[in-house]
Amino acid sequence: MFGSSGRWMCALVVAVASSVTGSGAAAAEPAPGKALVVLGDSFSANAWDFLSEEVQCVHRPTSWPNQLSRLLRVAGTPEFVDASCPGASIGVGRGYSLGGEAKVADQAGAFGPRTELVTIQIGMNDIWGANETTLWKSLQLCVFDMLRGCDIDAVEQARIPDYRGVTGAAYAERVRNVVTYIKYYAPQARIVLVGYSELIPPGSDTVCLNVFGVAPFVQPRARALAEYFDALDRAQRDAAGILGIDFFDSRALTAGHGLCSAEPWMNGLADPRADLDGLPFHPSAEGDAVMARGLYDRYGHR
């Protein structure tokens, strides 16, 4: 695909050889690397090109990666690489895969001895467990189904992803190759699994979406959705421990500011309390600012 693609195979070969012999040599001269590298889905990009029939990796100016790049003073410079893409999943899905994003970043010289921070925020769009339903499909099949609701039985009916398959071990196995690659070629980088901001409170039985800020849509039977978000949060946290990388608890940072809270940091549908033109079910500019500041406070003072 591109000249550095051999690095991916070499990194894995060296990693395996090192585990057997206890030593290994660099396979190729590494790129210098970038200060900030972002991999992720629409919670990182926070934009969507609704007019395009193909997936476009567009980024909202107020996304947390863009706000973080300004705090780190790398915005608009080659030191910032944002390969996040709406619709992305860890595996192959409707949009980019995590591996595909990492290759795009690699083309830009993202990974090297001077790489400082690599963030990964992904997994919500994946297929997990026994059925092949994605979260995007479940909005229509489950969340907005007022007749059947979105209770636990929705899993067996394949109307929502199987949250029982979302585990730390499964998550870690899916992202392991990319993390191994980044560790090898960017040994000084902090690699951070970024969790998802709070959409609904943990353990909730309901979900809602504010419409124009005055008429919330409420699904009173949403236990399966809550279980999915809870399982994904646990899986990311556990996977970070398994892989020896950091986990950033976005959910705790944004607690109490979900979709239908008194002060939402999540966009409804044309809700003036968040972003009127914001992507529904995604963070507002204020919510992304909180995320950017939290990441900066933890990782911006090396």
Protein backbone atom coordinates (compact mmCIF):
# COMPACT_ATOMS: atom_id res chain seq x y z
CA MET A 1 0.00 0.00 0.00
CA PHE A 2 2.87 2.35 0.82
CA GLY A 3 6.59 2.25 1.54
CA SER A 4 6.33 1.89 5.31
CA SER A 5 3.92 -1.04 5.15
CA GLY A 6 6.86 -3.37 5.64
CA ARG A 7 7.38 -1.80 9.04
CA TRP A 8 4.14 -3.38 10.23
CA MET A 9 5.29 -6.91 9.43
CA CYS A 10 8.81 -6.25 10.67
CA ALA A 11 7.56 -4.94 13.99
CA LEU A 12 5.53 -8.07 14.62
CA VAL A 13 8.38 -10.35 13.53
CA VAL A 14 10.83 -8.58 15.82
CA ALA A 15 8.34 -8.69 18.70
CA VAL A 16 7.94 -12.43 18.31
CA ALA A 17 11.68 -12.99 17.91
CA SER A 18 12.40 -10.92 21.01
CA SER A 19 9.99 -12.98 23.08
CA VAL A 20 11.91 -16.12 22.10
CA THR A 21 15.52 -14.91 22.11
CA GLY A 22 15.27 -12.02 24.52
CA SER A 23 16.70 -9.60 22.00
CA GLY A 24 15.79 -7.90 18.75
CA ALA A 25 17.12 -5.37 16.30
CA ALA A 26 15.35 -2.46 14.69
CA ALA A 27 14.02 -3.46 11.29
CA ALA A 28 14.13 -0.04 9.69
CA GLU A 29 15.18 3.53 10.34
CA PRO A 30 12.20 5.06 12.17
CA ALA A 31 10.53 8.35 11.31
CA PRO A 32 11.07 11.12 13.88
CA GLY A 33 7.42 10.94 14.94
CA LYS A 34 4.81 13.55 15.82
CA ALA A 35 3.90 15.16 19.12
CA LEU A 36 0.17 14.31 19.03
CA VAL A 37 -1.42 11.44 17.11
CA VAL A 38 -5.16 10.73 17.24
CA LEU A 39 -6.89 7.51 16.18
CA GLY A 40 -10.61 7.07 16.70
CA ASP A 41 -14.20 7.24 15.51
CA SER A 42 -16.77 10.05 15.39
CA PHE A 43 -16.39 10.75 19.12
CA SER A 44 -12.93 12.01 18.23
CA ALA A 45 -13.71 13.52 14.82
CA ASN A 46 -17.17 14.77 15.90
CA ALA A 47 -18.28 15.48 12.34
CA TRP A 48 -20.05 13.73 9.49
CA ASP A 49 -20.42 14.56 5.81
CA PHE A 50 -24.09 13.73 5.26
CA LEU A 51 -23.88 14.70 1.57
CA SER A 52 -21.18 12.19 0.70
CA GLU A 53 -21.99 8.61 -0.27
CA GLU A 54 -18.53 7.59 0.86
CA VAL A 55 -17.06 7.84 4.32
CA GLN A 56 -15.16 11.10 4.66
CA CYS A 57 -12.70 11.66 7.51
CA VAL A 58 -13.91 15.14 8.38
CA HIS A 59 -13.17 16.81 11.72
CA ARG A 60 -15.14 19.45 13.58
CA PRO A 61 -13.01 22.49 14.49
CA THR A 62 -14.18 22.18 18.11
CA SER A 63 -13.48 18.45 18.42
CA TRP A 64 -11.47 17.54 21.50
CA PRO A 65 -8.39 16.58 19.41
CA ASN A 66 -8.42 19.99 17.73
CA GLN A 67 -8.89 21.75 21.07
CA LEU A 68 -6.15 19.62 22.63
CA SER A 69 -3.79 20.44 19.76
CA ARG A 70 -4.28 24.13 20.50
CA LEU A 71 -3.54 23.62 24.18
CA LEU A 72 -0.39 21.71 23.25
CA ARG A 73 0.52 24.43 20.74
CA VAL A 74 0.78 22.03 17.81
CA ALA A 75 -2.44 23.03 16.00
CA GLY A 76 -1.88 23.64 12.32
CA THR A 77 1.63 22.20 12.44
CA PRO A 78 3.07 18.90 11.16
CA GLU A 79 3.37 17.83 14.82
CA PHE A 80 -0.37 17.06 14.94
CA VAL A 81 -1.82 14.08 13.06
CA ASP A 82 -5.54 13.38 13.41
CA ALA A 83 -6.43 10.16 11.59
CA SER A 84 -9.77 9.69 13.37
CA CYS A 85 -12.70 9.02 11.09
CA PRO A 86 -16.50 8.95 11.59
CA GLY A 87 -17.87 5.43 11.48
CA ALA A 88 -14.52 3.84 12.29
CA SER A 89 -14.37 0.53 14.12
CA ILE A 90 -11.59 -1.64 15.47
CA GLY A 91 -12.31 -4.26 12.82
CA VAL A 92 -13.54 -3.88 9.27
CA GLY A 93 -16.93 -2.18 9.16
CA ARG A 94 -18.71 0.56 7.30
CA GLY A 95 -15.87 3.00 7.76
CA TYR A 96 -12.17 2.89 8.50
CA SER A 97 -10.62 0.24 10.70
CA LEU A 98 -8.19 1.06 13.49
CA GLY A 99 -5.41 -0.56 11.49
CA GLY A 100 -6.33 1.54 8.46
CA GLU A 101 -6.17 4.73 10.50
CA ALA A 102 -2.81 3.74 11.96
CA LYS A 103 -1.46 3.22 8.43
CA VAL A 104 -2.71 6.64 7.39
CA ALA A 105 -0.98 8.13 10.42
CA ASP A 106 2.15 6.14 9.62
CA GLN A 107 2.20 7.62 6.12
CA ALA A 108 2.33 11.02 7.77
CA GLY A 109 5.36 9.98 9.83
CA ALA A 110 3.35 9.82 13.05
CA PHE A 111 5.27 7.10 14.86
CA GLY A 112 8.88 7.52 15.87
CA PRO A 113 11.21 8.18 18.81
CA ARG A 114 9.87 11.72 19.28
CA THR A 115 6.18 10.74 19.31
CA GLU A 116 4.78 11.98 22.62
CA LEU A 117 1.08 11.16 22.83
CA VAL A 118 -1.10 8.69 20.91
CA THR A 119 -4.81 8.54 21.71
CA ILE A 120 -7.18 5.75 20.67
CA GLN A 121 -10.95 6.21 21.08
CA ILE A 122 -12.79 3.42 19.29
CA GLY A 123 -15.01 0.36 19.73
CA MET A 124 -18.54 1.74 19.86
CA ASN A 125 -19.21 0.90 16.20
CA ASP A 126 -17.93 -2.67 16.37
CA ILE A 127 -19.83 -5.94 16.19
CA TRP A 128 -19.52 -7.88 19.42
CA GLY A 129 -20.79 -11.21 20.70
CA ALA A 130 -23.37 -13.43 19.12
CA ASN A 131 -25.18 -11.08 16.75
CA GLU A 132 -23.99 -8.79 13.97
CA THR A 133 -25.88 -5.66 14.93
CA THR A 134 -24.03 -2.38 15.23
CA LEU A 135 -24.95 0.47 17.54
CA TRP A 136 -25.91 2.61 14.54
CA LYS A 137 -28.47 0.00 13.42
CA SER A 138 -29.81 -0.36 16.95
CA LEU A 139 -30.93 3.28 17.05
CA GLN A 140 -33.76 2.42 14.69
CA LEU A 141 -34.24 -1.21 15.69
CA CYS A 142 -34.13 -0.68 19.42
CA VAL A 143 -33.72 2.83 20.84
CA PHE A 144 -36.44 4.47 18.75
CA ASP A 145 -38.73 1.43 18.81
CA MET A 146 -41.44 2.58 21.19
CA LEU A 147 -43.40 -0.65 20.77
CA ARG A 148 -40.73 -3.15 21.81
CA GLY A 149 -38.29 -0.85 23.56
CA CYS A 150 -34.65 -1.67 24.18
CA ASP A 151 -34.69 -4.06 27.10
CA ILE A 152 -32.37 -7.02 27.64
CA ASP A 153 -34.39 -9.23 25.27
CA ALA A 154 -33.30 -6.96 22.41
CA VAL A 155 -29.91 -8.71 22.45
CA GLU A 156 -31.39 -12.12 21.61
CA GLN A 157 -33.55 -10.43 18.98
CA ALA A 158 -30.40 -8.94 17.37
CA ARG A 159 -31.73 -5.41 17.73
CA ILE A 160 -28.71 -4.16 19.68
CA PRO A 161 -25.05 -5.28 19.93
CA ASP A 162 -24.43 -8.22 22.24
CA TYR A 163 -22.90 -6.47 25.24
CA ARG A 164 -21.95 -9.85 26.72
CA GLY A 165 -19.22 -10.12 24.10
CA VAL A 166 -17.68 -6.77 25.06
CA THR A 167 -14.87 -7.76 27.42
CA GLY A 168 -11.45 -6.46 28.26
CA ALA A 169 -9.81 -9.57 26.84
CA ALA A 170 -11.72 -9.32 23.56
CA TYR A 171 -11.04 -5.60 23.23
CA ALA A 172 -7.34 -6.03 24.00
CA GLU A 173 -6.99 -8.79 21.42
CA ARG A 174 -8.57 -6.62 18.72
CA VAL A 175 -6.31 -3.62 19.28
CA ARG A 176 -3.16 -5.55 20.24
CA ASN A 177 -1.40 -5.47 16.85
CA VAL A 178 -1.79 -1.70 16.48
CA VAL A 179 -0.66 -1.07 20.06
CA THR A 180 2.33 -3.42 19.58
CA TYR A 181 3.30 -1.54 16.44
CA ILE A 182 3.07 1.87 18.09
CA LYS A 183 5.05 0.69 21.13
CA TYR A 184 7.80 -0.62 18.90
CA TYR A 185 8.19 2.42 16.64
CA ALA A 186 7.27 5.08 19.20
CA PRO A 187 8.81 3.71 22.42
CA GLN A 188 8.65 7.03 24.27
CA ALA A 189 4.99 7.73 23.49
CA ARG A 190 2.20 7.65 26.01
CA ILE A 191 -0.52 5.48 24.45
CA VAL A 192 -3.95 6.26 25.85
CA LEU A 193 -7.23 4.43 25.39
CA VAL A 194 -9.74 7.27 25.63
CA GLY A 195 -13.13 6.27 27.03
CA TYR A 196 -16.45 7.64 25.85
CA SER A 197 -18.18 10.61 27.44
CA GLU A 198 -21.35 9.96 29.40
CA LEU A 199 -24.43 9.65 27.19
CA ILE A 200 -26.66 8.19 29.90
CA PRO A 201 -25.82 7.49 33.56
CA PRO A 202 -24.28 4.07 34.28
CA GLY A 203 -26.93 1.44 35.02
CA SER A 204 -29.73 3.59 33.63
CA ASP A 205 -33.03 2.10 32.45
CA THR A 206 -33.95 5.01 30.18
CA VAL A 207 -32.46 7.08 27.40
CA CYS A 208 -33.66 10.34 25.96
CA LEU A 209 -32.82 12.89 23.29
CA ASN A 210 -33.67 16.56 23.61
CA VAL A 211 -35.40 17.95 20.53
CA PHE A 212 -35.15 21.75 20.12
CA GLY A 213 -34.43 21.90 23.84
CA VAL A 214 -38.10 21.67 24.80
CA ALA A 215 -39.50 18.28 23.80
CA PRO A 216 -37.34 15.33 24.83
CA PHE A 217 -37.82 11.95 23.21
CA VAL A 218 -37.77 9.38 26.01
CA GLN A 219 -37.27 5.63 25.67
CA PRO A 220 -38.27 4.25 29.08
CA ARG A 221 -36.99 0.74 28.32
CA ALA A 222 -33.32 1.11 27.46
CA ARG A 223 -31.58 -1.29 29.82
CA ALA A 224 -29.75 -3.11 27.00
CA LEU A 225 -28.29 0.16 25.74
CA ALA A 226 -27.06 1.04 29.22
CA GLU A 227 -25.52 -2.42 29.59
CA TYR A 228 -23.70 -1.94 26.29
CA PHE A 229 -22.21 1.39 27.33
CA ASP A 230 -21.27 -0.01 30.74
CA ALA A 231 -19.62 -3.07 29.20
CA LEU A 232 -17.65 -0.99 26.71
CA ASP A 233 -16.38 1.28 29.46
CA ARG A 234 -15.21 -1.71 31.51
CA ALA A 235 -13.67 -3.37 28.46
CA GLN A 236 -11.58 -0.33 27.57
CA ARG A 237 -10.40 0.07 31.14
CA ASP A 238 -9.49 -3.62 31.45
CA ALA A 239 -7.86 -3.73 28.00
CA ALA A 240 -5.60 -0.84 28.91
CA GLY A 241 -4.41 -2.80 31.93
CA ILE A 242 -3.84 -5.94 29.86
CA LEU A 243 -1.83 -4.06 27.25
CA GLY A 244 0.11 -1.90 29.69
CA ILE A 245 -1.17 1.43 28.36
CA ASP A 246 -3.19 4.27 29.90
CA PHE A 247 -6.95 4.59 30.19
CA PHE A 248 -8.55 8.03 30.25
CA ASP A 249 -11.88 7.97 32.10
CA SER A 250 -13.99 10.32 29.99
CA ARG A 251 -17.18 9.01 31.56
CA ALA A 252 -16.18 10.07 35.05
CA LEU A 253 -14.98 13.43 33.76
CA THR A 254 -18.35 14.16 32.09
CA ALA A 255 -20.61 12.52 34.69
CA GLY A 256 -23.93 14.30 35.17
CA HIS A 257 -23.80 16.01 31.78
CA GLY A 258 -25.39 13.39 29.53
CA LEU A 259 -28.08 13.73 26.91
CA CYS A 260 -31.00 14.83 29.05
CA SER A 261 -29.21 16.28 32.04
CA ALA A 262 -29.86 19.80 33.30
CA GLU A 263 -26.56 20.93 31.74
CA PRO A 264 -25.89 18.62 28.76
CA TRP A 265 -22.47 18.30 27.19
CA MET A 266 -24.03 15.99 24.61
CA ASN A 267 -25.91 17.14 21.54
CA GLY A 268 -29.58 16.42 21.12
CA LEU A 269 -31.45 17.39 17.97
CA ALA A 270 -31.07 21.15 17.43
CA ASP A 271 -30.85 21.61 21.19
CA PRO A 272 -29.84 25.21 22.00
CA ARG A 273 -28.44 24.10 25.36
CA ALA A 274 -25.66 22.27 23.50
CA ASP A 275 -24.73 22.84 19.82
CA LEU A 276 -27.63 23.68 17.53
CA ASP A 277 -25.81 22.21 14.55
CA GLY A 278 -23.98 19.53 16.50
CA LEU A 279 -23.93 15.85 15.67
CA PRO A 280 -26.71 14.18 17.72
CA PHE A 281 -25.55 11.73 20.41
CA HIS A 282 -22.07 13.31 20.28
CA PRO A 283 -20.24 15.79 22.52
CA SER A 284 -20.92 19.50 22.27
CA ALA A 285 -18.10 22.00 21.90
CA GLU A 286 -18.20 22.49 25.67
CA GLY A 287 -18.06 18.77 26.31
CA ASP A 288 -15.09 18.46 23.99
CA ALA A 289 -13.41 21.38 25.74
CA VAL A 290 -13.70 19.52 29.04
CA MET A 291 -12.17 16.46 27.41
CA ALA A 292 -9.31 18.44 25.88
CA ARG A 293 -8.54 20.17 29.15
CA GLY A 294 -8.62 16.87 31.05
CA LEU A 295 -6.20 15.24 28.64
CA TYR A 296 -3.96 18.30 28.67
CA ASP A 297 -3.88 18.38 32.46
CA ARG A 298 -2.75 14.76 32.54
CA TYR A 299 -0.43 14.56 29.55
CA GLY A 300 0.46 18.10 28.52
CA HIS A 301 3.28 18.70 30.98
CA ARG A 302 5.98 16.25 30.09
